Amino acid sequence: MSQNIKLSCLGAVKRTTSTRPEIKSYAIIGSAFDRSGSMHNMQEQSAKALYELVKSNKENAEKNNITMTLSASSFDDHTEKIFDNQNVKEISITMEESARLLKPRGCTRLYATAVEELQALRENFQELKGSHPGEKCTATFFIMTDGMDNASGDITSQDLADEVNAAKAEGIICLFTGADQEAISTGGSYGFDASHCLRMSSARRSSAEAGFRSSSAAMLRAVTGDSTGFTQLERQSSVGVSDDESDESDESDPFAQFNISPPTRRVNRLVWRC
């Protein structure tokens, strides 16, 4: 008797095999990663960021029924294309490959790289919307840098600002992550909205990792059409505290959600000049 009751109860339980949305959407991402010599202290974290960019968006595309393409470039004195509008589900990359592709060197071709990446993204986005009229299409641009431009030739910060503003006018979400700088001020001068600029500190390994994770989370929200911009917790986590301050944590520790251990020794930041 008890067995029959148990089976009857189980039969009343609603079962779902998948939460994957039935309506397909389309997304396109353009990104640029600084690999100039001054990125030496964040080499491991930036490699993880590139690796996670692919991994997390692959999972996002599958989970949310998104057809997504990804472009990514690295820049020092020169710009190198890593992915060129490729279907994210077809991209494969290892941590070792990420580290090799973003090994720090040279100067900073920031303005020209961002302008080129944005121009390609805008063109690809127009083609995407033209191919899928009336369907949900999103586009996101992300750039990460730790320094000022010194290798873009005739391309200026105003050229970059003009390109960012043109992209925003077309519905493209533009995200700026600036390491060891006033990112809101710097990003604002490049045309990025204050809410879409994130300051990241390299003073602690944990805060650098949190900064890249925050950038990844913001991109995922943008792709799915959720609220964009960075949250207050993401901003706190990405800045952290300096090595001179206490590593003791309490319940308000913003790093607790990431399960990241503090560094055991100070790493002196190298200064690179061309």
C-alpha atoms as a PDB file:
ATOM      1  CA  MET A   1       0.000   0.000   0.000  1.00  0.00           C
ATOM      2  CA  SER A   2       2.731   2.438   0.917  1.00  0.00           C
ATOM      3  CA  GLN A   3       4.527   1.592  -2.332  1.00  0.00           C
ATOM      4  CA  ASN A   4       1.450   2.564  -4.384  1.00  0.00           C
ATOM      5  CA  ILE A   5       1.138   5.851  -2.533  1.00  0.00           C
ATOM      6  CA  LYS A   6       4.800   6.630  -3.181  1.00  0.00           C
ATOM      7  CA  LEU A   7       4.452   5.958  -6.896  1.00  0.00           C
ATOM      8  CA  SER A   8       1.314   8.033  -7.101  1.00  0.00           C
ATOM      9  CA  CYS A   9       3.089  10.978  -5.540  1.00  0.00           C
ATOM     10  CA  LEU A  10       6.036  10.660  -7.903  1.00  0.00           C
ATOM     11  CA  GLY A  11       3.708  10.577 -10.859  1.00  0.00           C
ATOM     12  CA  ALA A  12       2.271  13.930  -9.843  1.00  0.00           C
ATOM     13  CA  VAL A  13       5.668  15.616  -9.940  1.00  0.00           C
ATOM     14  CA  LYS A  14       6.099  17.893 -12.949  1.00  0.00           C
ATOM     15  CA  ARG A  15       9.188  16.972 -14.933  1.00  0.00           C
ATOM     16  CA  THR A  16      11.078  19.150 -17.351  1.00  0.00           C
ATOM     17  CA  THR A  17      13.987  17.898 -19.402  1.00  0.00           C
ATOM     18  CA  SER A  18      15.410  21.288 -20.292  1.00  0.00           C
ATOM     19  CA  THR A  19      15.104  24.981 -19.476  1.00  0.00           C
ATOM     20  CA  ARG A  20      16.604  25.945 -22.842  1.00  0.00           C
ATOM     21  CA  PRO A  21      14.516  28.716 -24.452  1.00  0.00           C
ATOM     22  CA  GLU A  22      12.542  27.611 -27.508  1.00  0.00           C
ATOM     23  CA  ILE A  23      13.021  30.964 -29.248  1.00  0.00           C
ATOM     24  CA  LYS A  24      16.448  31.298 -30.801  1.00  0.00           C
ATOM     25  CA  SER A  25      18.366  34.549 -30.469  1.00  0.00           C
ATOM     26  CA  TYR A  26      21.546  35.842 -32.059  1.00  0.00           C
ATOM     27  CA  ALA A  27      24.566  37.526 -30.539  1.00  0.00           C
ATOM     28  CA  ILE A  28      27.920  38.835 -31.639  1.00  0.00           C
ATOM     29  CA  ILE A  29      30.898  39.752 -29.467  1.00  0.00           C
ATOM     30  CA  GLY A  30      33.985  41.790 -30.322  1.00  0.00           C
ATOM     31  CA  SER A  31      36.867  42.013 -27.859  1.00  0.00           C
ATOM     32  CA  ALA A  32      40.412  43.308 -27.522  1.00  0.00           C
ATOM     33  CA  PHE A  33      43.049  42.290 -24.966  1.00  0.00           C
ATOM     34  CA  ASP A  34      46.110  44.333 -24.016  1.00  0.00           C
ATOM     35  CA  ARG A  35      49.286  42.221 -24.080  1.00  0.00           C
ATOM     36  CA  SER A  36      51.805  45.065 -23.819  1.00  0.00           C
ATOM     37  CA  GLY A  37      54.842  44.691 -21.576  1.00  0.00           C
ATOM     38  CA  SER A  38      53.191  46.426 -18.636  1.00  0.00           C
ATOM     39  CA  MET A  39      50.704  43.530 -18.417  1.00  0.00           C
ATOM     40  CA  HIS A  40      53.482  41.352 -16.963  1.00  0.00           C
ATOM     41  CA  ASN A  41      51.920  41.222 -13.491  1.00  0.00           C
ATOM     42  CA  MET A  42      48.554  40.102 -14.890  1.00  0.00           C
ATOM     43  CA  GLN A  43      49.713  37.606 -17.485  1.00  0.00           C
ATOM     44  CA  GLU A  44      48.094  34.603 -15.822  1.00  0.00           C
ATOM     45  CA  GLN A  45      44.848  36.433 -15.128  1.00  0.00           C
ATOM     46  CA  SER A  46      44.512  37.806 -18.673  1.00  0.00           C
ATOM     47  CA  ALA A  47      45.140  34.328 -20.106  1.00  0.00           C
ATOM     48  CA  LYS A  48      42.371  32.991 -17.888  1.00  0.00           C
ATOM     49  CA  ALA A  49      40.111  35.801 -19.083  1.00  0.00           C
ATOM     50  CA  LEU A  50      40.542  34.831 -22.741  1.00  0.00           C
ATOM     51  CA  TYR A  51      40.018  31.163 -21.921  1.00  0.00           C
ATOM     52  CA  GLU A  52      36.894  31.934 -19.874  1.00  0.00           C
ATOM     53  CA  LEU A  53      35.578  34.257 -22.593  1.00  0.00           C
ATOM     54  CA  VAL A  54      35.302  31.251 -24.880  1.00  0.00           C
ATOM     55  CA  LYS A  55      34.218  28.743 -22.236  1.00  0.00           C
ATOM     56  CA  SER A  56      31.517  30.840 -20.569  1.00  0.00           C
ATOM     57  CA  ASN A  57      30.009  32.043 -23.835  1.00  0.00           C
ATOM     58  CA  LYS A  58      29.937  28.534 -25.235  1.00  0.00           C
ATOM     59  CA  GLU A  59      27.928  27.477 -22.189  1.00  0.00           C
ATOM     60  CA  ASN A  60      25.746  30.579 -22.424  1.00  0.00           C
ATOM     61  CA  ALA A  61      25.005  29.958 -26.102  1.00  0.00           C
ATOM     62  CA  GLU A  62      23.956  26.374 -25.414  1.00  0.00           C
ATOM     63  CA  LYS A  63      21.932  27.139 -22.295  1.00  0.00           C
ATOM     64  CA  ASN A  64      20.026  30.072 -23.785  1.00  0.00           C
ATOM     65  CA  ASN A  65      19.665  28.839 -27.383  1.00  0.00           C
ATOM     66  CA  ILE A  66      21.859  31.599 -28.810  1.00  0.00           C
ATOM     67  CA  THR A  67      23.678  31.502 -32.115  1.00  0.00           C
ATOM     68  CA  MET A  68      26.787  33.466 -31.191  1.00  0.00           C
ATOM     69  CA  THR A  69      29.909  34.558 -33.022  1.00  0.00           C
ATOM     70  CA  LEU A  70      33.068  35.811 -31.363  1.00  0.00           C
ATOM     71  CA  SER A  71      35.915  38.047 -32.479  1.00  0.00           C
ATOM     72  CA  ALA A  72      38.977  38.708 -30.353  1.00  0.00           C
ATOM     73  CA  SER A  73      42.234  40.572 -30.919  1.00  0.00           C
ATOM     74  CA  SER A  74      45.376  41.083 -28.874  1.00  0.00           C
ATOM     75  CA  PHE A  75      47.524  44.177 -29.113  1.00  0.00           C
ATOM     76  CA  ASP A  76      50.964  45.461 -28.230  1.00  0.00           C
ATOM     77  CA  ASP A  77      52.879  47.395 -30.931  1.00  0.00           C
ATOM     78  CA  HIS A  78      50.787  45.416 -33.410  1.00  0.00           C
ATOM     79  CA  THR A  79      47.320  43.909 -33.491  1.00  0.00           C
ATOM     80  CA  GLU A  80      46.839  40.174 -33.929  1.00  0.00           C
ATOM     81  CA  LYS A  81      43.458  38.626 -34.681  1.00  0.00           C
ATOM     82  CA  ILE A  82      42.768  35.600 -32.462  1.00  0.00           C
ATOM     83  CA  PHE A  83      39.197  34.818 -33.576  1.00  0.00           C
ATOM     84  CA  ASP A  84      37.441  36.463 -36.500  1.00  0.00           C
ATOM     85  CA  ASN A  85      33.643  36.330 -36.169  1.00  0.00           C
ATOM     86  CA  GLN A  86      33.688  32.590 -35.493  1.00  0.00           C
ATOM     87  CA  ASN A  87      30.797  30.550 -34.132  1.00  0.00           C
ATOM     88  CA  VAL A  88      31.673  30.240 -30.459  1.00  0.00           C
ATOM     89  CA  LYS A  89      30.544  26.608 -30.355  1.00  0.00           C
ATOM     90  CA  GLU A  90      33.246  25.756 -32.899  1.00  0.00           C
ATOM     91  CA  ILE A  91      36.100  27.482 -31.047  1.00  0.00           C
ATOM     92  CA  SER A  92      38.523  25.440 -28.997  1.00  0.00           C
ATOM     93  CA  ILE A  93      41.304  26.934 -26.904  1.00  0.00           C
ATOM     94  CA  THR A  94      43.437  25.741 -23.982  1.00  0.00           C
ATOM     95  CA  MET A  95      44.891  27.704 -21.090  1.00  0.00           C
ATOM     96  CA  GLU A  96      48.359  27.117 -22.548  1.00  0.00           C
ATOM     97  CA  GLU A  97      47.291  28.594 -25.884  1.00  0.00           C
ATOM     98  CA  SER A  98      45.700  31.561 -24.124  1.00  0.00           C
ATOM     99  CA  ALA A  99      48.919  32.239 -22.210  1.00  0.00           C
ATOM    100  CA  ARG A 100      50.963  32.095 -25.416  1.00  0.00           C
ATOM    101  CA  LEU A 101      48.601  34.394 -27.300  1.00  0.00           C
ATOM    102  CA  LEU A 102      48.658  37.012 -24.525  1.00  0.00           C
ATOM    103  CA  LYS A 103      52.304  36.809 -23.473  1.00  0.00           C
ATOM    104  CA  PRO A 104      53.245  40.423 -22.569  1.00  0.00           C
ATOM    105  CA  ARG A 105      55.557  42.335 -24.878  1.00  0.00           C
ATOM    106  CA  GLY A 106      56.025  45.697 -26.550  1.00  0.00           C
ATOM    107  CA  CYS A 107      54.036  48.926 -26.384  1.00  0.00           C
ATOM    108  CA  THR A 108      50.307  49.752 -26.550  1.00  0.00           C
ATOM    109  CA  ARG A 109      48.389  50.089 -29.837  1.00  0.00           C
ATOM    110  CA  LEU A 110      45.141  50.789 -28.015  1.00  0.00           C
ATOM    111  CA  TYR A 111      43.236  53.332 -30.109  1.00  0.00           C
ATOM    112  CA  ALA A 112      43.822  51.744 -33.504  1.00  0.00           C
ATOM    113  CA  THR A 113      43.008  48.226 -32.298  1.00  0.00           C
ATOM    114  CA  ALA A 114      39.760  49.295 -30.640  1.00  0.00           C
ATOM    115  CA  VAL A 115      38.685  51.325 -33.693  1.00  0.00           C
ATOM    116  CA  GLU A 116      39.401  48.405 -36.047  1.00  0.00           C
ATOM    117  CA  GLU A 117      37.597  45.909 -33.818  1.00  0.00           C
ATOM    118  CA  LEU A 118      34.583  48.199 -33.446  1.00  0.00           C
ATOM    119  CA  GLN A 119      34.345  48.884 -37.176  1.00  0.00           C
ATOM    120  CA  ALA A 120      34.329  45.154 -37.906  1.00  0.00           C
ATOM    121  CA  LEU A 121      31.784  44.525 -35.151  1.00  0.00           C
ATOM    122  CA  ARG A 122      29.437  47.222 -36.446  1.00  0.00           C
ATOM    123  CA  GLU A 123      29.590  45.791 -39.962  1.00  0.00           C
ATOM    124  CA  ASN A 124      29.000  42.242 -38.737  1.00  0.00           C
ATOM    125  CA  PHE A 125      26.105  43.380 -36.539  1.00  0.00           C
ATOM    126  CA  GLN A 126      24.369  45.098 -39.440  1.00  0.00           C
ATOM    127  CA  GLU A 127      24.696  41.910 -41.492  1.00  0.00           C
ATOM    128  CA  LEU A 128      23.371  39.841 -38.593  1.00  0.00           C
ATOM    129  CA  LYS A 129      20.270  42.018 -38.157  1.00  0.00           C
ATOM    130  CA  GLY A 130      19.707  42.059 -41.904  1.00  0.00           C
ATOM    131  CA  SER A 131      19.776  38.249 -41.994  1.00  0.00           C
ATOM    132  CA  HIS A 132      17.350  37.886 -39.072  1.00  0.00           C
ATOM    133  CA  PRO A 133      14.795  40.700 -39.284  1.00  0.00           C
ATOM    134  CA  GLY A 134      12.414  40.863 -36.351  1.00  0.00           C
ATOM    135  CA  GLU A 135      14.472  38.447 -34.259  1.00  0.00           C
ATOM    136  CA  LYS A 136      16.445  39.197 -31.120  1.00  0.00           C
ATOM    137  CA  CYS A 137      20.007  40.233 -31.988  1.00  0.00           C
ATOM    138  CA  THR A 138      22.575  41.677 -29.571  1.00  0.00           C
ATOM    139  CA  ALA A 139      26.139  42.931 -29.949  1.00  0.00           C
ATOM    140  CA  THR A 140      28.762  43.541 -27.266  1.00  0.00           C
ATOM    141  CA  PHE A 141      32.214  45.086 -27.393  1.00  0.00           C
ATOM    142  CA  PHE A 142      34.759  44.587 -24.609  1.00  0.00           C
ATOM    143  CA  ILE A 143      38.268  45.974 -24.223  1.00  0.00           C
ATOM    144  CA  MET A 144      40.785  45.523 -21.434  1.00  0.00           C
ATOM    145  CA  THR A 145      43.927  47.635 -21.063  1.00  0.00           C
ATOM    146  CA  ASP A 146      46.288  48.825 -18.353  1.00  0.00           C
ATOM    147  CA  GLY A 147      47.908  51.777 -20.083  1.00  0.00           C
ATOM    148  CA  MET A 148      47.721  54.757 -22.371  1.00  0.00           C
ATOM    149  CA  ASP A 149      48.182  54.459 -26.113  1.00  0.00           C
ATOM    150  CA  ASN A 150      51.676  54.943 -27.535  1.00  0.00           C
ATOM    151  CA  ALA A 151      51.606  53.049 -30.837  1.00  0.00           C
ATOM    152  CA  SER A 152      48.500  54.004 -32.856  1.00  0.00           C
ATOM    153  CA  GLY A 153      50.066  56.518 -35.200  1.00  0.00           C
ATOM    154  CA  ASP A 154      47.495  58.948 -36.555  1.00  0.00           C
ATOM    155  CA  ILE A 155      44.548  57.306 -34.758  1.00  0.00           C
ATOM    156  CA  THR A 156      43.573  59.404 -31.729  1.00  0.00           C
ATOM    157  CA  SER A 157      41.465  59.034 -28.594  1.00  0.00           C
ATOM    158  CA  GLN A 158      38.811  61.188 -30.295  1.00  0.00           C
ATOM    159  CA  ASP A 159      38.684  58.714 -33.176  1.00  0.00           C
ATOM    160  CA  LEU A 160      38.050  55.969 -30.626  1.00  0.00           C
ATOM    161  CA  ALA A 161      35.369  58.028 -28.856  1.00  0.00           C
ATOM    162  CA  ASP A 162      33.617  58.695 -32.165  1.00  0.00           C
ATOM    163  CA  GLU A 163      33.630  54.976 -32.978  1.00  0.00           C
ATOM    164  CA  VAL A 164      32.330  53.977 -29.520  1.00  0.00           C
ATOM    165  CA  ASN A 165      29.524  56.557 -29.721  1.00  0.00           C
ATOM    166  CA  ALA A 166      28.564  55.368 -33.206  1.00  0.00           C
ATOM    167  CA  ALA A 167      28.461  51.759 -31.966  1.00  0.00           C
ATOM    168  CA  LYS A 168      26.294  52.689 -28.981  1.00  0.00           C
ATOM    169  CA  ALA A 169      23.897  54.539 -31.253  1.00  0.00           C
ATOM    170  CA  GLU A 170      23.452  51.288 -33.192  1.00  0.00           C
ATOM    171  CA  GLY A 171      22.574  49.357 -30.030  1.00  0.00           C
ATOM    172  CA  ILE A 172      25.982  47.837 -29.303  1.00  0.00           C
ATOM    173  CA  ILE A 173      26.887  47.465 -25.613  1.00  0.00           C
ATOM    174  CA  CYS A 174      30.435  48.756 -25.032  1.00  0.00           C
ATOM    175  CA  LEU A 175      32.406  47.681 -21.940  1.00  0.00           C
ATOM    176  CA  PHE A 176      35.750  49.088 -20.778  1.00  0.00           C
ATOM    177  CA  THR A 177      38.007  47.525 -18.138  1.00  0.00           C
ATOM    178  CA  GLY A 178      40.986  49.633 -17.117  1.00  0.00           C
ATOM    179  CA  ALA A 179      43.688  48.171 -14.890  1.00  0.00           C
ATOM    180  CA  ASP A 180      45.447  50.454 -12.387  1.00  0.00           C
ATOM    181  CA  GLN A 181      43.812  53.617 -13.676  1.00  0.00           C
ATOM    182  CA  GLU A 182      40.700  55.734 -13.141  1.00  0.00           C
ATOM    183  CA  ALA A 183      38.649  53.630 -15.519  1.00  0.00           C
ATOM    184  CA  ILE A 184      35.478  55.727 -15.404  1.00  0.00           C
ATOM    185  CA  SER A 185      37.382  58.885 -16.298  1.00  0.00           C
ATOM    186  CA  THR A 186      39.596  57.211 -18.904  1.00  0.00           C
ATOM    187  CA  GLY A 187      36.785  55.160 -20.411  1.00  0.00           C
ATOM    188  CA  GLY A 188      34.557  58.224 -20.459  1.00  0.00           C
ATOM    189  CA  SER A 189      37.102  60.079 -22.554  1.00  0.00           C
ATOM    190  CA  TYR A 190      36.911  57.176 -25.021  1.00  0.00           C
ATOM    191  CA  GLY A 191      33.098  57.367 -25.217  1.00  0.00           C
ATOM    192  CA  PHE A 192      32.209  54.551 -22.801  1.00  0.00           C
ATOM    193  CA  ASP A 193      29.325  55.110 -20.370  1.00  0.00           C
ATOM    194  CA  ALA A 194      30.398  55.390 -16.716  1.00  0.00           C
ATOM    195  CA  SER A 195      28.186  52.425 -15.768  1.00  0.00           C
ATOM    196  CA  HIS A 196      30.043  50.309 -18.331  1.00  0.00           C
ATOM    197  CA  CYS A 197      33.559  51.112 -17.094  1.00  0.00           C
ATOM    198  CA  LEU A 198      35.350  48.978 -14.512  1.00  0.00           C
ATOM    199  CA  ARG A 199      38.523  49.769 -12.603  1.00  0.00           C
ATOM    200  CA  MET A 200      40.682  46.735 -11.885  1.00  0.00           C
ATOM    201  CA  SER A 201      43.678  46.579  -9.554  1.00  0.00           C
ATOM    202  CA  SER A 202      46.774  44.444 -10.045  1.00  0.00           C
ATOM    203  CA  ALA A 203      47.919  45.081  -6.446  1.00  0.00           C
ATOM    204  CA  ARG A 204      46.560  41.678  -5.477  1.00  0.00           C
ATOM    205  CA  ARG A 205      46.185  38.641  -7.652  1.00  0.00           C
ATOM    206  CA  SER A 206      42.707  38.083  -6.232  1.00  0.00           C
ATOM    207  CA  SER A 207      41.429  41.508  -7.268  1.00  0.00           C
ATOM    208  CA  ALA A 208      42.798  41.097 -10.796  1.00  0.00           C
ATOM    209  CA  GLU A 209      41.048  37.737 -11.112  1.00  0.00           C
ATOM    210  CA  ALA A 210      37.853  39.254  -9.729  1.00  0.00           C
ATOM    211  CA  GLY A 211      38.127  42.067 -12.284  1.00  0.00           C
ATOM    212  CA  PHE A 212      38.276  39.680 -15.203  1.00  0.00           C
ATOM    213  CA  ARG A 213      35.411  37.634 -13.765  1.00  0.00           C
ATOM    214  CA  SER A 214      33.332  40.776 -13.347  1.00  0.00           C
ATOM    215  CA  SER A 215      33.988  41.701 -16.968  1.00  0.00           C
ATOM    216  CA  SER A 216      32.953  38.229 -18.074  1.00  0.00           C
ATOM    217  CA  ALA A 217      29.747  38.412 -16.023  1.00  0.00           C
ATOM    218  CA  ALA A 218      28.862  41.795 -17.521  1.00  0.00           C
ATOM    219  CA  MET A 219      29.355  40.403 -21.024  1.00  0.00           C
ATOM    220  CA  LEU A 220      27.091  37.439 -20.294  1.00  0.00           C
ATOM    221  CA  ARG A 221      24.350  39.778 -19.079  1.00  0.00           C
ATOM    222  CA  ALA A 222      24.706  41.935 -22.181  1.00  0.00           C
ATOM    223  CA  VAL A 223      24.522  38.955 -24.530  1.00  0.00           C
ATOM    224  CA  THR A 224      21.317  37.632 -22.968  1.00  0.00           C
ATOM    225  CA  GLY A 225      19.722  41.079 -22.918  1.00  0.00           C
ATOM    226  CA  ASP A 226      19.715  41.380 -19.130  1.00  0.00           C
ATOM    227  CA  SER A 227      20.764  44.522 -17.265  1.00  0.00           C
ATOM    228  CA  THR A 228      24.115  45.778 -18.499  1.00  0.00           C
ATOM    229  CA  GLY A 229      26.911  47.567 -16.721  1.00  0.00           C
ATOM    230  CA  PHE A 230      28.858  46.611 -13.626  1.00  0.00           C
ATOM    231  CA  THR A 231      27.359  46.053 -10.176  1.00  0.00           C
ATOM    232  CA  GLN A 232      28.681  47.663  -6.998  1.00  0.00           C
ATOM    233  CA  LEU A 233      29.914  44.308  -5.716  1.00  0.00           C
ATOM    234  CA  GLU A 234      31.807  43.726  -8.960  1.00  0.00           C
ATOM    235  CA  ARG A 235      33.444  47.139  -8.595  1.00  0.00           C
ATOM    236  CA  GLN A 236      34.485  46.457  -4.995  1.00  0.00           C
ATOM    237  CA  SER A 237      35.818  43.003  -5.813  1.00  0.00           C
ATOM    238  CA  SER A 238      37.835  44.245  -8.775  1.00  0.00           C
ATOM    239  CA  VAL A 239      39.639  46.916  -6.777  1.00  0.00           C
ATOM    240  CA  GLY A 240      40.184  45.012  -3.529  1.00  0.00           C
ATOM    241  CA  VAL A 241      42.772  46.206  -1.016  1.00  0.00           C
ATOM    242  CA  SER A 242      46.494  46.818  -1.374  1.00  0.00           C
ATOM    243  CA  ASP A 243      49.139  44.376  -0.217  1.00  0.00           C
ATOM    244  CA  ASP A 244      49.991  46.788   2.608  1.00  0.00           C
ATOM    245  CA  GLU A 245      46.553  46.335   4.117  1.00  0.00           C
ATOM    246  CA  SER A 246      45.391  43.413   6.191  1.00  0.00           C
ATOM    247  CA  ASP A 247      44.573  40.155   4.431  1.00  0.00           C
ATOM    248  CA  GLU A 248      42.214  39.216   7.239  1.00  0.00           C
ATOM    249  CA  SER A 249      38.678  38.648   6.011  1.00  0.00           C
ATOM    250  CA  ASP A 250      35.267  38.825   7.592  1.00  0.00           C
ATOM    251  CA  GLU A 251      31.697  38.315   6.518  1.00  0.00           C
ATOM    252  CA  SER A 252      31.779  41.483   4.419  1.00  0.00           C
ATOM    253  CA  ASP A 253      34.800  40.339   2.408  1.00  0.00           C
ATOM    254  CA  PRO A 254      33.826  40.913  -1.267  1.00  0.00           C
ATOM    255  CA  PHE A 255      36.201  38.125  -2.366  1.00  0.00           C
ATOM    256  CA  ALA A 256      34.399  35.448  -0.375  1.00  0.00           C
ATOM    257  CA  GLN A 257      32.005  34.637  -3.227  1.00  0.00           C
ATOM    258  CA  PHE A 258      34.939  33.728  -5.463  1.00  0.00           C
ATOM    259  CA  ASN A 259      36.734  31.431  -2.958  1.00  0.00           C
ATOM    260  CA  ILE A 260      40.034  33.129  -3.787  1.00  0.00           C
ATOM    261  CA  SER A 261      42.939  32.925  -1.373  1.00  0.00           C
ATOM    262  CA  PRO A 262      45.049  36.053  -0.808  1.00  0.00           C
ATOM    263  CA  PRO A 263      48.634  36.087  -2.103  1.00  0.00           C
ATOM    264  CA  THR A 264      51.415  35.068   0.258  1.00  0.00           C
ATOM    265  CA  ARG A 265      53.959  37.600  -0.927  1.00  0.00           C
ATOM    266  CA  ARG A 266      54.212  40.963  -2.617  1.00  0.00           C
ATOM    267  CA  VAL A 267      54.878  41.059  -6.346  1.00  0.00           C
ATOM    268  CA  ASN A 268      56.577  44.263  -7.420  1.00  0.00           C
ATOM    269  CA  ARG A 269      55.065  45.805 -10.525  1.00  0.00           C
ATOM    270  CA  LEU A 270      57.471  46.238 -13.397  1.00  0.00           C
ATOM    271  CA  VAL A 271      57.459  49.498 -15.316  1.00  0.00           C
ATOM    272  CA  TRP A 272      57.788  49.132 -19.090  1.00  0.00           C
ATOM    273  CA  ARG A 273      58.667  51.929 -21.448  1.00  0.00           C
ATOM    274  CA  CYS A 274      59.149  51.931 -25.218  1.00  0.00           C
END
